[in-house]
Amino acid sequence: MTTILQIEDILANKILVERTLEPHGYTLLYAPDGQSGLALAKSASPDLILVDIGLPDIDGQTVFTFIRQDKTLDHVPIIAITAWPPDMAAEMITRYGFDGLISKPIDVKTFPDQIAQFLAQ
């Protein structure tokens, strides 16, 4: 079974991701902020991490950097999820080295296919 960690502070977004991905057989883990997301990533070793860029405690870029420094997690794809303007978001994921980008609002029709593609990389 494929496990996805979602690090997201907005409850409505958490629920949307769960309702969209669980019917496709994914197991979802959830962290409401960066610190708990880092701890859960280390303890659960997910197959994919979705990280919101605008978290309340530490930003998604910092979460990404800490996860990439952990040798047990450095192979896990990390996907940025953001409502930033597309050009700004594309520049940020390139600069930090994220494995992909999903723009908010999430398109529930294409989201499962996007996740499958990121997992297949």
N, C-alpha and C. Protein backbone atom coordinates (compact mmCIF):
# COMPACT_ATOMS: atom_id res chain seq x y z
N MET A 1 0.84 -1.18 0.00
CA MET A 1 0.00 0.00 0.00
C MET A 1 0.89 1.25 0.00
N THR A 2 0.51 2.23 -0.77
CA THR A 2 1.27 3.47 -0.91
C THR A 2 0.82 4.48 0.14
N THR A 3 1.79 5.02 0.87
CA THR A 3 1.49 5.98 1.93
C THR A 3 1.95 7.37 1.52
N ILE A 4 1.04 8.33 1.68
CA ILE A 4 1.31 9.72 1.33
C ILE A 4 1.17 10.56 2.60
N LEU A 5 2.18 11.35 2.87
CA LEU A 5 2.14 12.30 3.98
C LEU A 5 1.74 13.66 3.44
N GLN A 6 0.69 14.21 4.01
CA GLN A 6 0.24 15.55 3.65
C GLN A 6 0.55 16.49 4.80
N ILE A 7 1.36 17.51 4.52
CA ILE A 7 1.68 18.54 5.51
C ILE A 7 0.93 19.79 5.08
N GLU A 8 -0.15 20.09 5.78
CA GLU A 8 -1.10 21.12 5.36
C GLU A 8 -1.81 21.69 6.58
N ASP A 9 -1.88 23.01 6.68
CA ASP A 9 -2.50 23.62 7.86
C ASP A 9 -3.98 23.91 7.71
N ILE A 10 -4.53 23.84 6.51
CA ILE A 10 -5.95 24.16 6.31
C ILE A 10 -6.74 22.86 6.25
N LEU A 11 -7.64 22.69 7.20
CA LEU A 11 -8.40 21.45 7.35
C LEU A 11 -9.19 21.11 6.08
N ALA A 12 -9.80 22.09 5.44
CA ALA A 12 -10.58 21.82 4.22
C ALA A 12 -9.70 21.21 3.13
N ASN A 13 -8.45 21.66 3.01
CA ASN A 13 -7.53 21.08 2.02
C ASN A 13 -7.16 19.65 2.39
N LYS A 14 -6.97 19.39 3.67
CA LYS A 14 -6.68 18.04 4.14
C LYS A 14 -7.80 17.08 3.74
N ILE A 15 -9.02 17.50 4.01
CA ILE A 15 -10.19 16.66 3.72
C ILE A 15 -10.33 16.43 2.22
N LEU A 16 -10.11 17.48 1.42
CA LEU A 16 -10.20 17.35 -0.03
C LEU A 16 -9.19 16.32 -0.56
N VAL A 17 -7.97 16.38 -0.09
CA VAL A 17 -6.94 15.44 -0.52
C VAL A 17 -7.31 14.02 -0.11
N GLU A 18 -7.75 13.85 1.12
CA GLU A 18 -8.16 12.51 1.59
C GLU A 18 -9.29 11.95 0.73
N ARG A 19 -10.32 12.74 0.54
CA ARG A 19 -11.49 12.27 -0.21
C ARG A 19 -11.16 11.99 -1.67
N THR A 20 -10.16 12.67 -2.19
CA THR A 20 -9.79 12.48 -3.58
C THR A 20 -8.86 11.28 -3.76
N LEU A 21 -7.95 11.06 -2.83
CA LEU A 21 -6.94 10.02 -3.01
C LEU A 21 -7.27 8.67 -2.36
N GLU A 22 -7.96 8.66 -1.24
CA GLU A 22 -8.25 7.39 -0.57
C GLU A 22 -9.01 6.39 -1.45
N PRO A 23 -9.99 6.85 -2.28
CA PRO A 23 -10.67 5.88 -3.15
C PRO A 23 -9.74 5.24 -4.19
N HIS A 24 -8.56 5.82 -4.39
CA HIS A 24 -7.58 5.27 -5.33
C HIS A 24 -6.58 4.34 -4.64
N GLY A 25 -6.85 4.02 -3.37
CA GLY A 25 -6.04 3.05 -2.65
C GLY A 25 -4.86 3.60 -1.88
N TYR A 26 -4.75 4.91 -1.79
CA TYR A 26 -3.64 5.51 -1.05
C TYR A 26 -3.99 5.62 0.43
N THR A 27 -2.98 5.43 1.27
CA THR A 27 -3.12 5.67 2.70
C THR A 27 -2.58 7.07 2.97
N LEU A 28 -3.38 7.90 3.64
CA LEU A 28 -2.99 9.27 3.90
C LEU A 28 -2.62 9.47 5.36
N LEU A 29 -1.47 10.11 5.56
CA LEU A 29 -1.06 10.56 6.88
C LEU A 29 -1.13 12.07 6.85
N TYR A 30 -1.36 12.68 8.01
CA TYR A 30 -1.58 14.12 8.03
C TYR A 30 -0.81 14.80 9.15
N ALA A 31 -0.22 15.93 8.81
CA ALA A 31 0.44 16.78 9.80
C ALA A 31 -0.02 18.22 9.54
N PRO A 32 -0.44 18.95 10.59
CA PRO A 32 -0.98 20.30 10.41
C PRO A 32 0.07 21.40 10.36
N ASP A 33 1.34 21.05 10.56
CA ASP A 33 2.39 22.07 10.54
C ASP A 33 3.72 21.41 10.20
N GLY A 34 4.73 22.23 9.99
CA GLY A 34 6.02 21.73 9.56
C GLY A 34 6.72 20.85 10.57
N GLN A 35 6.70 21.24 11.82
CA GLN A 35 7.39 20.46 12.86
C GLN A 35 6.81 19.06 12.99
N SER A 36 5.49 18.96 13.07
CA SER A 36 4.88 17.63 13.19
C SER A 36 5.03 16.86 11.88
N GLY A 37 5.08 17.56 10.75
CA GLY A 37 5.31 16.91 9.47
C GLY A 37 6.68 16.28 9.39
N LEU A 38 7.69 17.00 9.89
CA LEU A 38 9.05 16.45 9.91
C LEU A 38 9.12 15.21 10.78
N ALA A 39 8.50 15.27 11.95
CA ALA A 39 8.52 14.13 12.87
C ALA A 39 7.80 12.93 12.25
N LEU A 40 6.66 13.17 11.63
CA LEU A 40 5.88 12.08 11.03
C LEU A 40 6.61 11.50 9.82
N ALA A 41 7.27 12.34 9.05
CA ALA A 41 8.04 11.83 7.90
C ALA A 41 9.11 10.87 8.38
N LYS A 42 9.80 11.22 9.46
CA LYS A 42 10.87 10.37 9.99
C LYS A 42 10.33 9.06 10.56
N SER A 43 9.20 9.12 11.25
CA SER A 43 8.68 7.92 11.90
C SER A 43 7.91 7.01 10.95
N ALA A 44 7.29 7.56 9.91
CA ALA A 44 6.43 6.76 9.05
C ALA A 44 7.05 6.39 7.71
N SER A 45 8.11 7.06 7.30
CA SER A 45 8.76 6.80 6.00
C SER A 45 7.74 6.69 4.86
N PRO A 46 7.04 7.77 4.53
CA PRO A 46 6.02 7.71 3.48
C PRO A 46 6.65 7.52 2.10
N ASP A 47 5.81 7.16 1.13
CA ASP A 47 6.24 6.98 -0.25
C ASP A 47 6.26 8.29 -1.03
N LEU A 48 5.50 9.28 -0.55
CA LEU A 48 5.40 10.59 -1.20
C LEU A 48 5.01 11.60 -0.13
N ILE A 49 5.53 12.82 -0.25
CA ILE A 49 5.18 13.88 0.69
C ILE A 49 4.62 15.05 -0.08
N LEU A 50 3.43 15.51 0.32
CA LEU A 50 2.81 16.72 -0.20
C LEU A 50 2.98 17.80 0.86
N VAL A 51 3.65 18.88 0.51
CA VAL A 51 3.89 19.91 1.51
C VAL A 51 3.37 21.26 1.03
N ASP A 52 2.51 21.84 1.84
CA ASP A 52 2.03 23.20 1.59
C ASP A 52 3.20 24.16 1.81
N ILE A 53 3.30 25.16 0.99
CA ILE A 53 4.40 26.11 1.13
C ILE A 53 4.15 27.08 2.28
N GLY A 54 2.90 27.46 2.50
CA GLY A 54 2.57 28.42 3.55
C GLY A 54 2.09 27.74 4.82
N LEU A 55 3.02 27.27 5.61
CA LEU A 55 2.68 26.61 6.88
C LEU A 55 2.81 27.62 8.03
N PRO A 56 2.12 27.37 9.13
CA PRO A 56 2.12 28.36 10.21
C PRO A 56 3.41 28.48 11.02
N ASP A 57 4.21 27.42 11.06
CA ASP A 57 5.41 27.47 11.91
C ASP A 57 6.69 27.65 11.09
N ILE A 58 6.94 26.74 10.18
CA ILE A 58 8.10 26.88 9.29
C ILE A 58 7.60 26.68 7.86
N ASP A 59 8.17 27.40 6.92
CA ASP A 59 7.65 27.33 5.55
C ASP A 59 7.99 26.00 4.89
N GLY A 60 7.26 25.70 3.82
CA GLY A 60 7.43 24.44 3.12
C GLY A 60 8.81 24.24 2.54
N GLN A 61 9.48 25.34 2.16
CA GLN A 61 10.83 25.23 1.63
C GLN A 61 11.79 24.71 2.71
N THR A 62 11.61 25.18 3.93
CA THR A 62 12.45 24.73 5.03
C THR A 62 12.16 23.27 5.37
N VAL A 63 10.89 22.91 5.36
CA VAL A 63 10.51 21.51 5.59
C VAL A 63 11.20 20.63 4.53
N PHE A 64 11.12 21.04 3.28
CA PHE A 64 11.76 20.32 2.19
C PHE A 64 13.26 20.13 2.47
N THR A 65 13.92 21.21 2.85
CA THR A 65 15.37 21.18 3.09
C THR A 65 15.72 20.20 4.21
N PHE A 66 14.96 20.22 5.30
CA PHE A 66 15.22 19.30 6.41
C PHE A 66 15.00 17.85 6.00
N ILE A 67 13.95 17.58 5.23
CA ILE A 67 13.67 16.21 4.79
C ILE A 67 14.79 15.72 3.87
N ARG A 68 15.23 16.57 2.96
CA ARG A 68 16.29 16.19 2.02
C ARG A 68 17.61 15.91 2.74
N GLN A 69 17.83 16.50 3.89
CA GLN A 69 19.06 16.27 4.64
C GLN A 69 19.05 14.95 5.40
N ASP A 70 17.87 14.34 5.52
CA ASP A 70 17.74 13.06 6.21
C ASP A 70 17.99 11.93 5.22
N LYS A 71 19.07 11.19 5.40
CA LYS A 71 19.47 10.14 4.45
C LYS A 71 18.43 9.02 4.33
N THR A 72 17.56 8.84 5.32
CA THR A 72 16.53 7.81 5.22
C THR A 72 15.34 8.28 4.39
N LEU A 73 15.27 9.59 4.11
CA LEU A 73 14.14 10.14 3.37
C LEU A 73 14.54 10.83 2.07
N ASP A 74 15.83 10.89 1.77
CA ASP A 74 16.28 11.70 0.63
C ASP A 74 15.80 11.18 -0.73
N HIS A 75 15.25 9.96 -0.77
CA HIS A 75 14.72 9.39 -2.01
C HIS A 75 13.22 9.64 -2.20
N VAL A 76 12.55 10.11 -1.16
CA VAL A 76 11.10 10.28 -1.19
C VAL A 76 10.74 11.52 -2.01
N PRO A 77 9.86 11.37 -3.02
CA PRO A 77 9.44 12.55 -3.77
C PRO A 77 8.69 13.54 -2.87
N ILE A 78 9.03 14.81 -3.01
CA ILE A 78 8.37 15.86 -2.24
C ILE A 78 7.75 16.83 -3.23
N ILE A 79 6.44 16.98 -3.11
CA ILE A 79 5.68 17.81 -4.03
C ILE A 79 5.17 19.04 -3.29
N ALA A 80 5.46 20.21 -3.85
CA ALA A 80 4.98 21.46 -3.29
C ALA A 80 3.52 21.66 -3.71
N ILE A 81 2.72 22.11 -2.76
CA ILE A 81 1.34 22.49 -3.06
C ILE A 81 1.19 23.95 -2.64
N THR A 82 0.75 24.78 -3.58
CA THR A 82 0.71 26.20 -3.28
C THR A 82 -0.33 26.94 -4.12
N ALA A 83 -0.76 28.06 -3.58
CA ALA A 83 -1.65 28.96 -4.32
C ALA A 83 -0.85 30.15 -4.87
N TRP A 84 0.47 30.08 -4.78
CA TRP A 84 1.31 31.14 -5.34
C TRP A 84 1.05 31.27 -6.84
N PRO A 85 1.30 32.44 -7.40
CA PRO A 85 1.19 32.58 -8.85
C PRO A 85 2.11 31.56 -9.54
N PRO A 86 1.68 30.99 -10.66
CA PRO A 86 2.43 29.91 -11.31
C PRO A 86 3.90 30.22 -11.60
N ASP A 87 4.21 31.41 -12.06
CA ASP A 87 5.61 31.73 -12.38
C ASP A 87 6.47 31.77 -11.12
N MET A 88 5.94 32.32 -10.06
CA MET A 88 6.65 32.38 -8.78
C MET A 88 6.85 30.97 -8.22
N ALA A 89 5.79 30.16 -8.30
CA ALA A 89 5.85 28.78 -7.78
C ALA A 89 6.85 27.95 -8.58
N ALA A 90 6.86 28.10 -9.90
CA ALA A 90 7.79 27.34 -10.74
C ALA A 90 9.24 27.70 -10.41
N GLU A 91 9.49 28.98 -10.19
CA GLU A 91 10.84 29.42 -9.84
C GLU A 91 11.27 28.83 -8.50
N MET A 92 10.34 28.83 -7.53
CA MET A 92 10.64 28.31 -6.20
C MET A 92 10.94 26.81 -6.24
N ILE A 93 10.14 26.02 -6.95
CA ILE A 93 10.39 24.58 -6.95
C ILE A 93 11.70 24.25 -7.65
N THR A 94 12.04 25.04 -8.65
CA THR A 94 13.32 24.84 -9.34
C THR A 94 14.48 25.21 -8.42
N ARG A 95 14.37 26.32 -7.74
CA ARG A 95 15.45 26.79 -6.86
C ARG A 95 15.71 25.80 -5.73
N TYR A 96 14.65 25.28 -5.12
CA TYR A 96 14.82 24.38 -3.98
C TYR A 96 14.99 22.92 -4.39
N GLY A 97 14.51 22.55 -5.56
CA GLY A 97 14.67 21.17 -6.03
C GLY A 97 13.50 20.26 -5.72
N PHE A 98 12.32 20.83 -5.47
CA PHE A 98 11.13 20.00 -5.27
C PHE A 98 10.97 19.06 -6.46
N ASP A 99 10.33 17.93 -6.24
CA ASP A 99 10.12 16.95 -7.30
C ASP A 99 8.92 17.28 -8.17
N GLY A 100 8.11 18.24 -7.73
CA GLY A 100 6.95 18.63 -8.51
C GLY A 100 6.16 19.70 -7.83
N LEU A 101 5.11 20.14 -8.52
CA LEU A 101 4.27 21.23 -8.05
C LEU A 101 2.82 20.92 -8.38
N ILE A 102 1.96 21.16 -7.43
CA ILE A 102 0.52 21.11 -7.65
C ILE A 102 -0.04 22.45 -7.20
N SER A 103 -0.76 23.09 -8.09
CA SER A 103 -1.32 24.41 -7.78
C SER A 103 -2.68 24.27 -7.11
N LYS A 104 -2.93 25.18 -6.18
CA LYS A 104 -4.25 25.29 -5.55
C LYS A 104 -5.04 26.32 -6.35
N PRO A 105 -6.34 26.15 -6.46
CA PRO A 105 -7.09 25.03 -5.92
C PRO A 105 -6.80 23.73 -6.67
N ILE A 106 -6.81 22.65 -5.92
CA ILE A 106 -6.52 21.33 -6.50
C ILE A 106 -7.68 20.93 -7.42
N ASP A 107 -7.33 20.46 -8.60
CA ASP A 107 -8.30 19.95 -9.55
C ASP A 107 -8.51 18.46 -9.23
N VAL A 108 -9.64 18.13 -8.63
CA VAL A 108 -9.88 16.76 -8.18
C VAL A 108 -9.95 15.76 -9.33
N LYS A 109 -10.21 16.23 -10.53
CA LYS A 109 -10.27 15.33 -11.69
C LYS A 109 -8.88 14.87 -12.12
N THR A 110 -7.89 15.74 -12.03
CA THR A 110 -6.55 15.40 -12.49
C THR A 110 -5.59 15.03 -11.35
N PHE A 111 -5.97 15.34 -10.13
CA PHE A 111 -5.09 15.14 -8.97
C PHE A 111 -4.61 13.70 -8.81
N PRO A 112 -5.49 12.69 -8.85
CA PRO A 112 -5.00 11.30 -8.69
C PRO A 112 -3.98 10.90 -9.76
N ASP A 113 -4.17 11.35 -10.99
CA ASP A 113 -3.22 11.05 -12.05
C ASP A 113 -1.88 11.76 -11.81
N GLN A 114 -1.94 12.99 -11.32
CA GLN A 114 -0.71 13.71 -10.99
C GLN A 114 0.08 12.95 -9.93
N ILE A 115 -0.62 12.49 -8.91
CA ILE A 115 0.04 11.74 -7.82
C ILE A 115 0.66 10.46 -8.37
N ALA A 116 -0.07 9.74 -9.20
CA ALA A 116 0.45 8.49 -9.79
C ALA A 116 1.72 8.78 -10.60
N GLN A 117 1.73 9.87 -11.34
CA GLN A 117 2.92 10.22 -12.13
C GLN A 117 4.11 10.54 -11.23
N PHE A 118 3.87 11.28 -10.15
CA PHE A 118 4.97 11.61 -9.24
C PHE A 118 5.52 10.34 -8.58
N LEU A 119 4.67 9.39 -8.27
CA LEU A 119 5.11 8.14 -7.65
C LEU A 119 5.88 7.26 -8.63
N ALA A 120 5.58 7.40 -9.91
CA ALA A 120 6.23 6.58 -10.94
C ALA A 120 7.61 7.10 -11.34
N GLN A 121 7.96 8.30 -10.94
CA GLN A 121 9.25 8.90 -11.34
C GLN A 121 10.41 8.20 -10.72
